[in-house]
Amino acid sequence: MTRVTIQDLRASRLCFQGARPWFARHGLDWQVFLREGLEAEVLAATGDALALRVIAIAEAREALAPDAEGKYG
């Protein structure tokens, strides 16, 4: 399961100032996102194309990161 973080939002190069109001419009907690990230499913449920863009960045990041056994993707 992919967890989207603030680093993924930054990597997507979306407007950072617009993120907080976007979270509020969708009933999502900005502070929780900053602290812990959110599961991709939660963001995908908004149906927002920009959310899907950030999810794709997070999935790519996770595919490049080694797991606990040192294996990639």
PDB file of N, CA and C in Angstrom:
ATOM      1  N   MET A   1       0.849  -1.172   0.000  1.00  0.00           N
ATOM      2  CA  MET A   1       0.000   0.000   0.000  1.00  0.00           C
ATOM      3  C   MET A   1       0.897   1.240   0.000  1.00  0.00           C
ATOM      4  N   THR A   2       0.615   2.139  -0.882  1.00  0.00           N
ATOM      5  CA  THR A   2       1.439   3.339  -1.040  1.00  0.00           C
ATOM      6  C   THR A   2       0.999   4.428  -0.077  1.00  0.00           C
ATOM      7  N   ARG A   3       1.976   5.011   0.591  1.00  0.00           N
ATOM      8  CA  ARG A   3       1.724   6.154   1.465  1.00  0.00           C
ATOM      9  C   ARG A   3       2.309   7.379   0.779  1.00  0.00           C
ATOM     10  N   VAL A   4       1.465   8.375   0.575  1.00  0.00           N
ATOM     11  CA  VAL A   4       1.863   9.624  -0.059  1.00  0.00           C
ATOM     12  C   VAL A   4       2.316  10.592   1.037  1.00  0.00           C
ATOM     13  N   THR A   5       3.464  11.229   0.821  1.00  0.00           N
ATOM     14  CA  THR A   5       4.017  12.146   1.817  1.00  0.00           C
ATOM     15  C   THR A   5       4.163  13.552   1.249  1.00  0.00           C
ATOM     16  N   ILE A   6       4.510  14.468   2.111  1.00  0.00           N
ATOM     17  CA  ILE A   6       4.732  15.838   1.688  1.00  0.00           C
ATOM     18  C   ILE A   6       5.863  15.905   0.667  1.00  0.00           C
ATOM     19  N   GLN A   7       6.838  15.018   0.771  1.00  0.00           N
ATOM     20  CA  GLN A   7       7.932  14.984  -0.196  1.00  0.00           C
ATOM     21  C   GLN A   7       7.408  14.655  -1.596  1.00  0.00           C
ATOM     22  N   ASP A   8       6.403  13.789  -1.662  1.00  0.00           N
ATOM     23  CA  ASP A   8       5.798  13.456  -2.957  1.00  0.00           C
ATOM     24  C   ASP A   8       5.073  14.661  -3.533  1.00  0.00           C
ATOM     25  N   LEU A   9       4.398  15.413  -2.675  1.00  0.00           N
ATOM     26  CA  LEU A   9       3.715  16.617  -3.132  1.00  0.00           C
ATOM     27  C   LEU A   9       4.737  17.603  -3.691  1.00  0.00           C
ATOM     28  N   ARG A  10       5.832  17.777  -2.988  1.00  0.00           N
ATOM     29  CA  ARG A  10       6.883  18.686  -3.477  1.00  0.00           C
ATOM     30  C   ARG A  10       7.463  18.188  -4.799  1.00  0.00           C
ATOM     31  N   ALA A  11       7.706  16.889  -4.892  1.00  0.00           N
ATOM     32  CA  ALA A  11       8.286  16.313  -6.113  1.00  0.00           C
ATOM     33  C   ALA A  11       7.351  16.457  -7.312  1.00  0.00           C
ATOM     34  N   SER A  12       6.058  16.536  -7.066  1.00  0.00           N
ATOM     35  CA  SER A  12       5.090  16.670  -8.156  1.00  0.00           C
ATOM     36  C   SER A  12       5.081  18.076  -8.742  1.00  0.00           C
ATOM     37  N   ARG A  13       5.689  19.013  -8.022  1.00  0.00           N
ATOM     38  CA  ARG A  13       5.801  20.409  -8.435  1.00  0.00           C
ATOM     39  C   ARG A  13       4.440  21.092  -8.570  1.00  0.00           C
ATOM     40  N   LEU A  14       3.482  20.622  -7.773  1.00  0.00           N
ATOM     41  CA  LEU A  14       2.181  21.282  -7.735  1.00  0.00           C
ATOM     42  C   LEU A  14       2.260  22.499  -6.822  1.00  0.00           C
ATOM     43  N   CYS A  15       1.300  23.374  -6.914  1.00  0.00           N
ATOM     44  CA  CYS A  15       1.263  24.586  -6.106  1.00  0.00           C
ATOM     45  C   CYS A  15       1.118  24.206  -4.632  1.00  0.00           C
ATOM     46  N   PHE A  16       2.159  24.447  -3.881  1.00  0.00           N
ATOM     47  CA  PHE A  16       2.159  24.074  -2.471  1.00  0.00           C
ATOM     48  C   PHE A  16       1.164  24.919  -1.675  1.00  0.00           C
ATOM     49  N   GLN A  17       1.010  26.179  -2.035  1.00  0.00           N
ATOM     50  CA  GLN A  17       0.081  27.056  -1.323  1.00  0.00           C
ATOM     51  C   GLN A  17      -1.373  26.629  -1.514  1.00  0.00           C
ATOM     52  N   GLY A  18      -1.670  25.990  -2.615  1.00  0.00           N
ATOM     53  CA  GLY A  18      -3.033  25.552  -2.859  1.00  0.00           C
ATOM     54  C   GLY A  18      -3.369  24.225  -2.203  1.00  0.00           C
ATOM     55  N   ALA A  19      -2.358  23.552  -1.661  1.00  0.00           N
ATOM     56  CA  ALA A  19      -2.580  22.217  -1.095  1.00  0.00           C
ATOM     57  C   ALA A  19      -3.448  22.251   0.159  1.00  0.00           C
ATOM     58  N   ARG A  20      -3.178  23.176   1.055  1.00  0.00           N
ATOM     59  CA  ARG A  20      -3.951  23.228   2.307  1.00  0.00           C
ATOM     60  C   ARG A  20      -5.439  23.447   2.038  1.00  0.00           C
ATOM     61  N   PRO A  21      -5.817  24.422   1.214  1.00  0.00           N
ATOM     62  CA  PRO A  21      -7.253  24.578   0.909  1.00  0.00           C
ATOM     63  C   PRO A  21      -7.832  23.359   0.186  1.00  0.00           C
ATOM     64  N   TRP A  22      -7.032  22.720  -0.671  1.00  0.00           N
ATOM     65  CA  TRP A  22      -7.496  21.521  -1.372  1.00  0.00           C
ATOM     66  C   TRP A  22      -7.823  20.429  -0.356  1.00  0.00           C
ATOM     67  N   PHE A  23      -6.953  20.239   0.622  1.00  0.00           N
ATOM     68  CA  PHE A  23      -7.209  19.248   1.672  1.00  0.00           C
ATOM     69  C   PHE A  23      -8.493  19.586   2.415  1.00  0.00           C
ATOM     70  N   ALA A  24      -8.692  20.845   2.766  1.00  0.00           N
ATOM     71  CA  ALA A  24      -9.892  21.266   3.489  1.00  0.00           C
ATOM     72  C   ALA A  24     -11.150  20.991   2.660  1.00  0.00           C
ATOM     73  N   ARG A  25     -11.101  21.303   1.358  1.00  0.00           N
ATOM     74  CA  ARG A  25     -12.262  21.069   0.486  1.00  0.00           C
ATOM     75  C   ARG A  25     -12.646  19.599   0.434  1.00  0.00           C
ATOM     76  N   HIS A  26     -11.661  18.730   0.571  1.00  0.00           N
ATOM     77  CA  HIS A  26     -11.917  17.293   0.485  1.00  0.00           C
ATOM     78  C   HIS A  26     -12.044  16.634   1.862  1.00  0.00           C
ATOM     79  N   GLY A  27     -12.093  17.450   2.914  1.00  0.00           N
ATOM     80  CA  GLY A  27     -12.283  16.923   4.267  1.00  0.00           C
ATOM     81  C   GLY A  27     -11.096  16.127   4.783  1.00  0.00           C
ATOM     82  N   LEU A  28      -9.901  16.472   4.298  1.00  0.00           N
ATOM     83  CA  LEU A  28      -8.681  15.768   4.717  1.00  0.00           C
ATOM     84  C   LEU A  28      -7.878  16.656   5.652  1.00  0.00           C
ATOM     85  N   ASP A  29      -7.209  16.039   6.600  1.00  0.00           N
ATOM     86  CA  ASP A  29      -6.466  16.771   7.621  1.00  0.00           C
ATOM     87  C   ASP A  29      -5.047  17.076   7.138  1.00  0.00           C
ATOM     88  N   TRP A  30      -4.786  18.333   6.890  1.00  0.00           N
ATOM     89  CA  TRP A  30      -3.482  18.786   6.399  1.00  0.00           C
ATOM     90  C   TRP A  30      -2.364  18.460   7.390  1.00  0.00           C
ATOM     91  N   GLN A  31      -2.609  18.678   8.675  1.00  0.00           N
ATOM     92  CA  GLN A  31      -1.579  18.440   9.697  1.00  0.00           C
ATOM     93  C   GLN A  31      -1.216  16.954   9.790  1.00  0.00           C
ATOM     94  N   VAL A  32      -2.197  16.085   9.680  1.00  0.00           N
ATOM     95  CA  VAL A  32      -1.922  14.641   9.672  1.00  0.00           C
ATOM     96  C   VAL A  32      -1.090  14.287   8.448  1.00  0.00           C
ATOM     97  N   PHE A  33      -1.453  14.868   7.309  1.00  0.00           N
ATOM     98  CA  PHE A  33      -0.683  14.610   6.093  1.00  0.00           C
ATOM     99  C   PHE A  33       0.766  15.045   6.266  1.00  0.00           C
ATOM    100  N   LEU A  34       0.986  16.217   6.825  1.00  0.00           N
ATOM    101  CA  LEU A  34       2.349  16.691   7.028  1.00  0.00           C
ATOM    102  C   LEU A  34       3.139  15.757   7.941  1.00  0.00           C
ATOM    103  N   ARG A  35       2.485  15.278   8.977  1.00  0.00           N
ATOM    104  CA  ARG A  35       3.144  14.442   9.986  1.00  0.00           C
ATOM    105  C   ARG A  35       3.339  13.003   9.530  1.00  0.00           C
ATOM    106  N   GLU A  36       2.314  12.421   8.919  1.00  0.00           N
ATOM    107  CA  GLU A  36       2.309  10.977   8.667  1.00  0.00           C
ATOM    108  C   GLU A  36       2.142  10.575   7.207  1.00  0.00           C
ATOM    109  N   GLY A  37       1.705  11.523   6.369  1.00  0.00           N
ATOM    110  CA  GLY A  37       1.326  11.161   5.015  1.00  0.00           C
ATOM    111  C   GLY A  37      -0.065  10.548   5.026  1.00  0.00           C
ATOM    112  N   LEU A  38      -0.543  10.182   3.845  1.00  0.00           N
ATOM    113  CA  LEU A  38      -1.857   9.548   3.707  1.00  0.00           C
ATOM    114  C   LEU A  38      -1.751   8.379   2.747  1.00  0.00           C
ATOM    115  N   GLU A  39      -2.585   7.390   2.967  1.00  0.00           N
ATOM    116  CA  GLU A  39      -2.636   6.263   2.036  1.00  0.00           C
ATOM    117  C   GLU A  39      -3.121   6.774   0.681  1.00  0.00           C
ATOM    118  N   ALA A  40      -2.539   6.256  -0.369  1.00  0.00           N
ATOM    119  CA  ALA A  40      -2.888   6.668  -1.726  1.00  0.00           C
ATOM    120  C   ALA A  40      -4.380   6.483  -1.990  1.00  0.00           C
ATOM    121  N   GLU A  41      -4.972   5.452  -1.429  1.00  0.00           N
ATOM    122  CA  GLU A  41      -6.403   5.189  -1.633  1.00  0.00           C
ATOM    123  C   GLU A  41      -7.264   6.358  -1.177  1.00  0.00           C
ATOM    124  N   VAL A  42      -6.863   7.001  -0.088  1.00  0.00           N
ATOM    125  CA  VAL A  42      -7.622   8.134   0.445  1.00  0.00           C
ATOM    126  C   VAL A  42      -7.597   9.286  -0.554  1.00  0.00           C
ATOM    127  N   LEU A  43      -6.420   9.561  -1.095  1.00  0.00           N
ATOM    128  CA  LEU A  43      -6.309  10.637  -2.080  1.00  0.00           C
ATOM    129  C   LEU A  43      -6.996  10.261  -3.388  1.00  0.00           C
ATOM    130  N   ALA A  44      -6.855   9.020  -3.809  1.00  0.00           N
ATOM    131  CA  ALA A  44      -7.482   8.572  -5.060  1.00  0.00           C
ATOM    132  C   ALA A  44      -9.001   8.682  -4.978  1.00  0.00           C
ATOM    133  N   ALA A  45      -9.556   8.489  -3.804  1.00  0.00           N
ATOM    134  CA  ALA A  45     -11.008   8.544  -3.622  1.00  0.00           C
ATOM    135  C   ALA A  45     -11.578   9.930  -3.922  1.00  0.00           C
ATOM    136  N   THR A  46     -10.727  10.961  -3.943  1.00  0.00           N
ATOM    137  CA  THR A  46     -11.209  12.298  -4.277  1.00  0.00           C
ATOM    138  C   THR A  46     -11.546  12.409  -5.757  1.00  0.00           C
ATOM    139  N   GLY A  47     -10.949  11.536  -6.577  1.00  0.00           N
ATOM    140  CA  GLY A  47     -11.173  11.579  -8.010  1.00  0.00           C
ATOM    141  C   GLY A  47     -10.452  12.729  -8.701  1.00  0.00           C
ATOM    142  N   ASP A  48      -9.620  13.428  -7.989  1.00  0.00           N
ATOM    143  CA  ASP A  48      -8.916  14.589  -8.514  1.00  0.00           C
ATOM    144  C   ASP A  48      -7.687  14.165  -9.325  1.00  0.00           C
ATOM    145  N   ALA A  49      -7.556  14.691 -10.532  1.00  0.00           N
ATOM    146  CA  ALA A  49      -6.442  14.332 -11.409  1.00  0.00           C
ATOM    147  C   ALA A  49      -5.093  14.714 -10.804  1.00  0.00           C
ATOM    148  N   LEU A  50      -5.050  15.829 -10.083  1.00  0.00           N
ATOM    149  CA  LEU A  50      -3.784  16.237  -9.466  1.00  0.00           C
ATOM    150  C   LEU A  50      -3.397  15.297  -8.326  1.00  0.00           C
ATOM    151  N   ALA A  51      -4.384  14.787  -7.614  1.00  0.00           N
ATOM    152  CA  ALA A  51      -4.097  13.799  -6.570  1.00  0.00           C
ATOM    153  C   ALA A  51      -3.501  12.543  -7.196  1.00  0.00           C
ATOM    154  N   LEU A  52      -4.038  12.150  -8.339  1.00  0.00           N
ATOM    155  CA  LEU A  52      -3.509  10.962  -9.026  1.00  0.00           C
ATOM    156  C   LEU A  52      -2.067  11.193  -9.476  1.00  0.00           C
ATOM    157  N   ARG A  53      -1.752  12.422  -9.840  1.00  0.00           N
ATOM    158  CA  ARG A  53      -0.378  12.767 -10.221  1.00  0.00           C
ATOM    159  C   ARG A  53       0.577  12.580  -9.042  1.00  0.00           C
ATOM    160  N   VAL A  54       0.176  13.035  -7.863  1.00  0.00           N
ATOM    161  CA  VAL A  54       1.015  12.894  -6.669  1.00  0.00           C
ATOM    162  C   VAL A  54       1.143  11.414  -6.294  1.00  0.00           C
ATOM    163  N   ILE A  55       0.078  10.659  -6.445  1.00  0.00           N
ATOM    164  CA  ILE A  55       0.118   9.221  -6.161  1.00  0.00           C
ATOM    165  C   ILE A  55       1.125   8.537  -7.074  1.00  0.00           C
ATOM    166  N   ALA A  56       1.130   8.901  -8.339  1.00  0.00           N
ATOM    167  CA  ALA A  56       2.083   8.311  -9.290  1.00  0.00           C
ATOM    168  C   ALA A  56       3.519   8.588  -8.862  1.00  0.00           C
ATOM    169  N   ILE A  57       3.776   9.786  -8.365  1.00  0.00           N
ATOM    170  CA  ILE A  57       5.116  10.133  -7.864  1.00  0.00           C
ATOM    171  C   ILE A  57       5.466   9.235  -6.670  1.00  0.00           C
ATOM    172  N   ALA A  58       4.523   9.065  -5.757  1.00  0.00           N
ATOM    173  CA  ALA A  58       4.765   8.234  -4.567  1.00  0.00           C
ATOM    174  C   ALA A  58       5.018   6.785  -4.957  1.00  0.00           C
ATOM    175  N   GLU A  59       4.251   6.285  -5.909  1.00  0.00           N
ATOM    176  CA  GLU A  59       4.442   4.898  -6.352  1.00  0.00           C
ATOM    177  C   GLU A  59       5.813   4.716  -7.003  1.00  0.00           C
ATOM    178  N   ALA A  60       6.238   5.701  -7.780  1.00  0.00           N
ATOM    179  CA  ALA A  60       7.565   5.637  -8.408  1.00  0.00           C
ATOM    180  C   ALA A  60       8.656   5.660  -7.338  1.00  0.00           C
ATOM    181  N   ARG A  61       8.481   6.503  -6.321  1.00  0.00           N
ATOM    182  CA  ARG A  61       9.452   6.577  -5.224  1.00  0.00           C
ATOM    183  C   ARG A  61       9.553   5.227  -4.520  1.00  0.00           C
ATOM    184  N   GLU A  62       8.415   4.635  -4.220  1.00  0.00           N
ATOM    185  CA  GLU A  62       8.425   3.352  -3.524  1.00  0.00           C
ATOM    186  C   GLU A  62       9.032   2.248  -4.379  1.00  0.00           C
ATOM    187  N   ALA A  63       8.826   2.314  -5.688  1.00  0.00           N
ATOM    188  CA  ALA A  63       9.388   1.301  -6.581  1.00  0.00           C
ATOM    189  C   ALA A  63      10.910   1.357  -6.599  1.00  0.00           C
ATOM    190  N   LEU A  64      11.460   2.536  -6.342  1.00  0.00           N
ATOM    191  CA  LEU A  64      12.912   2.711  -6.346  1.00  0.00           C
ATOM    192  C   LEU A  64      13.556   2.499  -4.985  1.00  0.00           C
ATOM    193  N   ALA A  65      12.741   2.370  -3.949  1.00  0.00           N
ATOM    194  CA  ALA A  65      13.270   2.221  -2.587  1.00  0.00           C
ATOM    195  C   ALA A  65      13.417   0.749  -2.226  1.00  0.00           C
ATOM    196  N   PRO A  66      14.520   0.382  -1.580  1.00  0.00           N
ATOM    197  CA  PRO A  66      14.675  -1.009  -1.155  1.00  0.00           C
ATOM    198  C   PRO A  66      13.725  -1.337   0.004  1.00  0.00           C
ATOM    199  N   ASP A  67      13.250  -2.578   0.040  1.00  0.00           N
ATOM    200  CA  ASP A  67      12.409  -2.990   1.159  1.00  0.00           C
ATOM    201  C   ASP A  67      13.309  -3.431   2.316  1.00  0.00           C
ATOM    202  N   ALA A  68      12.716  -3.997   3.350  1.00  0.00           N
ATOM    203  CA  ALA A  68      13.465  -4.408   4.541  1.00  0.00           C
ATOM    204  C   ALA A  68      14.524  -5.461   4.222  1.00  0.00           C
ATOM    205  N   GLU A  69      14.348  -6.206   3.146  1.00  0.00           N
ATOM    206  CA  GLU A  69      15.308  -7.240   2.766  1.00  0.00           C
ATOM    207  C   GLU A  69      16.312  -6.735   1.749  1.00  0.00           C
ATOM    208  N   GLY A  70      16.245  -5.432   1.429  1.00  0.00           N
ATOM    209  CA  GLY A  70      17.183  -4.863   0.473  1.00  0.00           C
ATOM    210  C   GLY A  70      16.787  -5.056  -0.976  1.00  0.00           C
ATOM    211  N   LYS A  71      15.558  -5.546  -1.208  1.00  0.00           N
ATOM    212  CA  LYS A  71      15.073  -5.749  -2.575  1.00  0.00           C
ATOM    213  C   LYS A  71      14.331  -4.512  -3.037  1.00  0.00           C
ATOM    214  N   TYR A  72      14.408  -4.235  -4.322  1.00  0.00           N
ATOM    215  CA  TYR A  72      13.749  -3.065  -4.870  1.00  0.00           C
ATOM    216  C   TYR A  72      12.418  -3.420  -5.487  1.00  0.00           C
ATOM    217  N   GLY A  73      11.451  -2.443  -5.330  1.00  0.00           N
ATOM    218  CA  GLY A  73      10.151  -2.503  -5.981  1.00  0.00           C
ATOM    219  C   GLY A  73       9.416  -3.712  -5.679  1.00  0.00           C
TER     220      GLY A  73
END
